């Protein structure tokens, strides 16, 4: 298990629940992870705990990571995300990354994905584009996406 700060020491229960809600199923097979708009390690720790809970379900999933509201990550934050990604990568058979129009976030995401070793992934400017791509990949109806 990776060493991250204990979020329960400094975050309120409402803040923890809000962080947990940033990782949620949008379909049985599709998990959405909305990145933290603060780049806070406490929020990353809550995300890590949430991913471990989902990992315990034993499902193979598609992961959409939405980074549009995220700040430019520090080297330490990128390393922590990379370590988390390495630990849970077997859960996912496809990934989609939403970077908006930020070239810095796009580059950082590509570096992390390459270092983790994900092979099947795509980049998108909007969350809607990523959802459509993932639903098509799974041959799911696009109604309501």
Protein backbone atom coordinates (compact mmCIF):
# COMPACT_ATOMS: atom_id res chain seq x y z
CA UNK A 1 0.00 0.00 0.00
CA UNK A 2 1.26 3.43 -0.86
CA UNK A 3 2.09 6.10 1.73
CA UNK A 4 -0.27 9.09 1.52
CA UNK A 5 -1.51 11.49 4.19
CA UNK A 6 -4.45 10.40 6.33
CA UNK A 7 -7.31 12.54 5.00
CA UNK A 8 -9.46 11.86 8.07
CA UNK A 9 -7.09 13.95 10.19
CA UNK A 10 -7.75 17.18 8.29
CA UNK A 11 -10.76 16.76 5.98
CA UNK A 12 -14.35 16.93 7.15
CA UNK A 13 -16.69 14.00 6.49
CA UNK A 14 -18.44 16.13 3.83
CA UNK A 15 -15.11 16.83 2.08
CA UNK A 16 -14.23 13.13 2.15
CA UNK A 17 -17.61 12.20 0.69
CA UNK A 18 -17.20 14.83 -2.05
CA UNK A 19 -13.79 13.35 -2.93
CA UNK A 20 -15.24 9.83 -2.97
CA UNK A 21 -17.99 10.98 -5.34
CA UNK A 22 -15.32 12.10 -7.84
CA UNK A 23 -14.82 8.38 -8.61
CA UNK A 24 -18.09 6.78 -9.60
CA UNK A 25 -19.70 4.37 -12.03
CA UNK A 26 -21.47 5.95 -14.99
CA UNK A 27 -22.29 2.47 -16.30
CA UNK A 28 -21.73 -1.09 -15.02
CA UNK A 29 -18.45 -1.24 -16.95
CA UNK A 30 -17.38 2.41 -16.99
CA UNK A 31 -15.76 4.21 -14.09
CA UNK A 32 -15.36 8.00 -14.12
CA UNK A 33 -12.55 9.57 -12.10
CA UNK A 34 -12.77 13.34 -11.93
CA UNK A 35 -9.36 14.64 -10.94
CA UNK A 36 -8.97 16.94 -7.95
CA UNK A 37 -9.18 20.62 -8.86
CA UNK A 38 -6.72 21.38 -6.04
CA UNK A 39 -3.98 18.82 -6.62
CA UNK A 40 -4.19 18.08 -2.89
CA UNK A 41 -2.55 14.86 -1.65
CA UNK A 42 -5.34 14.38 0.90
CA UNK A 43 -7.86 14.24 -1.96
CA UNK A 44 -5.58 11.82 -3.80
CA UNK A 45 -5.51 9.62 -0.68
CA UNK A 46 -9.32 9.47 -0.64
CA UNK A 47 -9.30 8.62 -4.36
CA UNK A 48 -6.80 5.85 -3.73
CA UNK A 49 -8.99 4.35 -0.99
CA UNK A 50 -12.00 4.52 -3.30
CA UNK A 51 -10.12 2.76 -6.11
CA UNK A 52 -9.10 -0.01 -3.72
CA UNK A 53 -12.77 -0.48 -2.74
CA UNK A 54 -13.75 -0.77 -6.40
CA UNK A 55 -10.82 -3.09 -7.08
CA UNK A 56 -12.23 -5.47 -4.45
CA UNK A 57 -15.30 -5.94 -6.70
CA UNK A 58 -13.07 -7.87 -9.10
CA UNK A 59 -14.49 -6.28 -12.26
CA UNK A 60 -12.64 -5.38 -15.46
CA UNK A 61 -13.60 -1.82 -16.31
CA UNK A 62 -13.17 1.07 -18.68
CA UNK A 63 -11.72 4.11 -16.91
CA UNK A 64 -12.41 7.69 -17.91
CA UNK A 65 -10.15 10.20 -16.16
CA UNK A 66 -11.35 13.80 -16.40
CA UNK A 67 -8.47 16.22 -15.83
CA UNK A 68 -10.11 19.36 -17.20
CA UNK A 69 -10.33 21.09 -13.80
CA UNK A 70 -6.94 19.93 -12.54
CA UNK A 71 -3.97 22.21 -11.98
CA UNK A 72 -0.60 21.45 -13.50
CA UNK A 73 0.71 18.58 -11.33
CA UNK A 74 3.95 18.78 -9.39
CA UNK A 75 6.57 16.08 -9.88
CA UNK A 76 5.66 14.54 -6.51
CA UNK A 77 1.96 14.47 -7.41
CA UNK A 78 2.69 12.87 -10.81
CA UNK A 79 4.80 10.22 -9.07
CA UNK A 80 2.00 9.48 -6.57
CA UNK A 81 -0.58 9.16 -9.38
CA UNK A 82 1.81 6.90 -11.28
CA UNK A 83 2.21 4.62 -8.25
CA UNK A 84 -1.56 4.43 -7.77
CA UNK A 85 -2.00 3.70 -11.47
CA UNK A 86 0.55 0.89 -11.33
CA UNK A 87 -1.29 -0.66 -8.39
CA UNK A 88 -4.75 -0.66 -9.97
CA UNK A 89 -3.98 -0.89 -13.69
CA UNK A 90 -5.07 -4.55 -13.93
CA UNK A 91 -8.66 -3.39 -13.20
CA UNK A 92 -8.92 -1.56 -16.52
CA UNK A 93 -8.95 -2.88 -20.06
CA UNK A 94 -9.34 0.54 -21.67
CA UNK A 95 -8.89 4.12 -20.66
CA UNK A 96 -9.93 7.54 -21.86
CA UNK A 97 -8.37 10.77 -20.64
CA UNK A 98 -10.09 14.14 -20.84
CA UNK A 99 -7.54 16.93 -20.79
CA UNK A 100 -9.55 19.81 -22.19
CA UNK A 101 -7.31 22.11 -24.13
CA UNK A 102 -4.42 22.34 -21.68
CA UNK A 103 -1.14 21.28 -23.32
CA UNK A 104 0.53 20.94 -19.88
CA UNK A 105 -2.10 18.56 -18.56
CA UNK A 106 -2.06 16.66 -21.86
CA UNK A 107 1.70 16.15 -21.69
CA UNK A 108 1.66 15.19 -18.00
CA UNK A 109 -1.15 12.68 -18.62
CA UNK A 110 0.70 11.10 -21.55
CA UNK A 111 3.87 10.74 -19.48
CA UNK A 112 2.01 9.12 -16.57
CA UNK A 113 0.05 6.74 -18.82
CA UNK A 114 3.22 5.69 -20.64
CA UNK A 115 5.07 5.13 -17.36
CA UNK A 116 2.20 3.04 -15.97
CA UNK A 117 2.17 0.96 -19.12
CA UNK A 118 -1.43 1.34 -20.24
CA UNK A 119 -1.72 0.21 -23.84
CA UNK A 120 -5.31 0.98 -24.83
CA UNK A 121 -6.28 4.57 -24.15
CA UNK A 122 -7.43 7.69 -25.94
CA UNK A 123 -7.33 11.43 -25.30
CA UNK A 124 -10.35 13.71 -25.59
CA UNK A 125 -11.07 17.42 -25.31
CA UNK A 126 -14.46 16.90 -23.62
CA UNK A 127 -16.00 14.43 -21.21
CA UNK A 128 -18.88 13.85 -23.64
CA UNK A 129 -16.43 12.79 -26.39
CA UNK A 130 -14.72 10.37 -23.99
CA UNK A 131 -18.04 8.87 -22.88
CA UNK A 132 -19.17 8.40 -26.48
CA UNK A 133 -15.87 6.70 -27.39
CA UNK A 134 -16.10 4.32 -24.43
CA UNK A 135 -19.76 3.49 -25.00
CA UNK A 136 -18.99 2.77 -28.68
CA UNK A 137 -16.02 0.59 -27.67
CA UNK A 138 -18.34 -1.50 -25.50
CA UNK A 139 -21.10 -1.54 -28.15
CA UNK A 140 -23.48 0.20 -25.75
CA UNK A 141 -26.32 2.45 -26.87
CA UNK A 142 -25.33 6.11 -26.91
CA UNK A 143 -28.75 7.33 -25.74
CA UNK A 144 -28.34 9.55 -22.69
CA UNK A 145 -24.58 9.94 -23.11
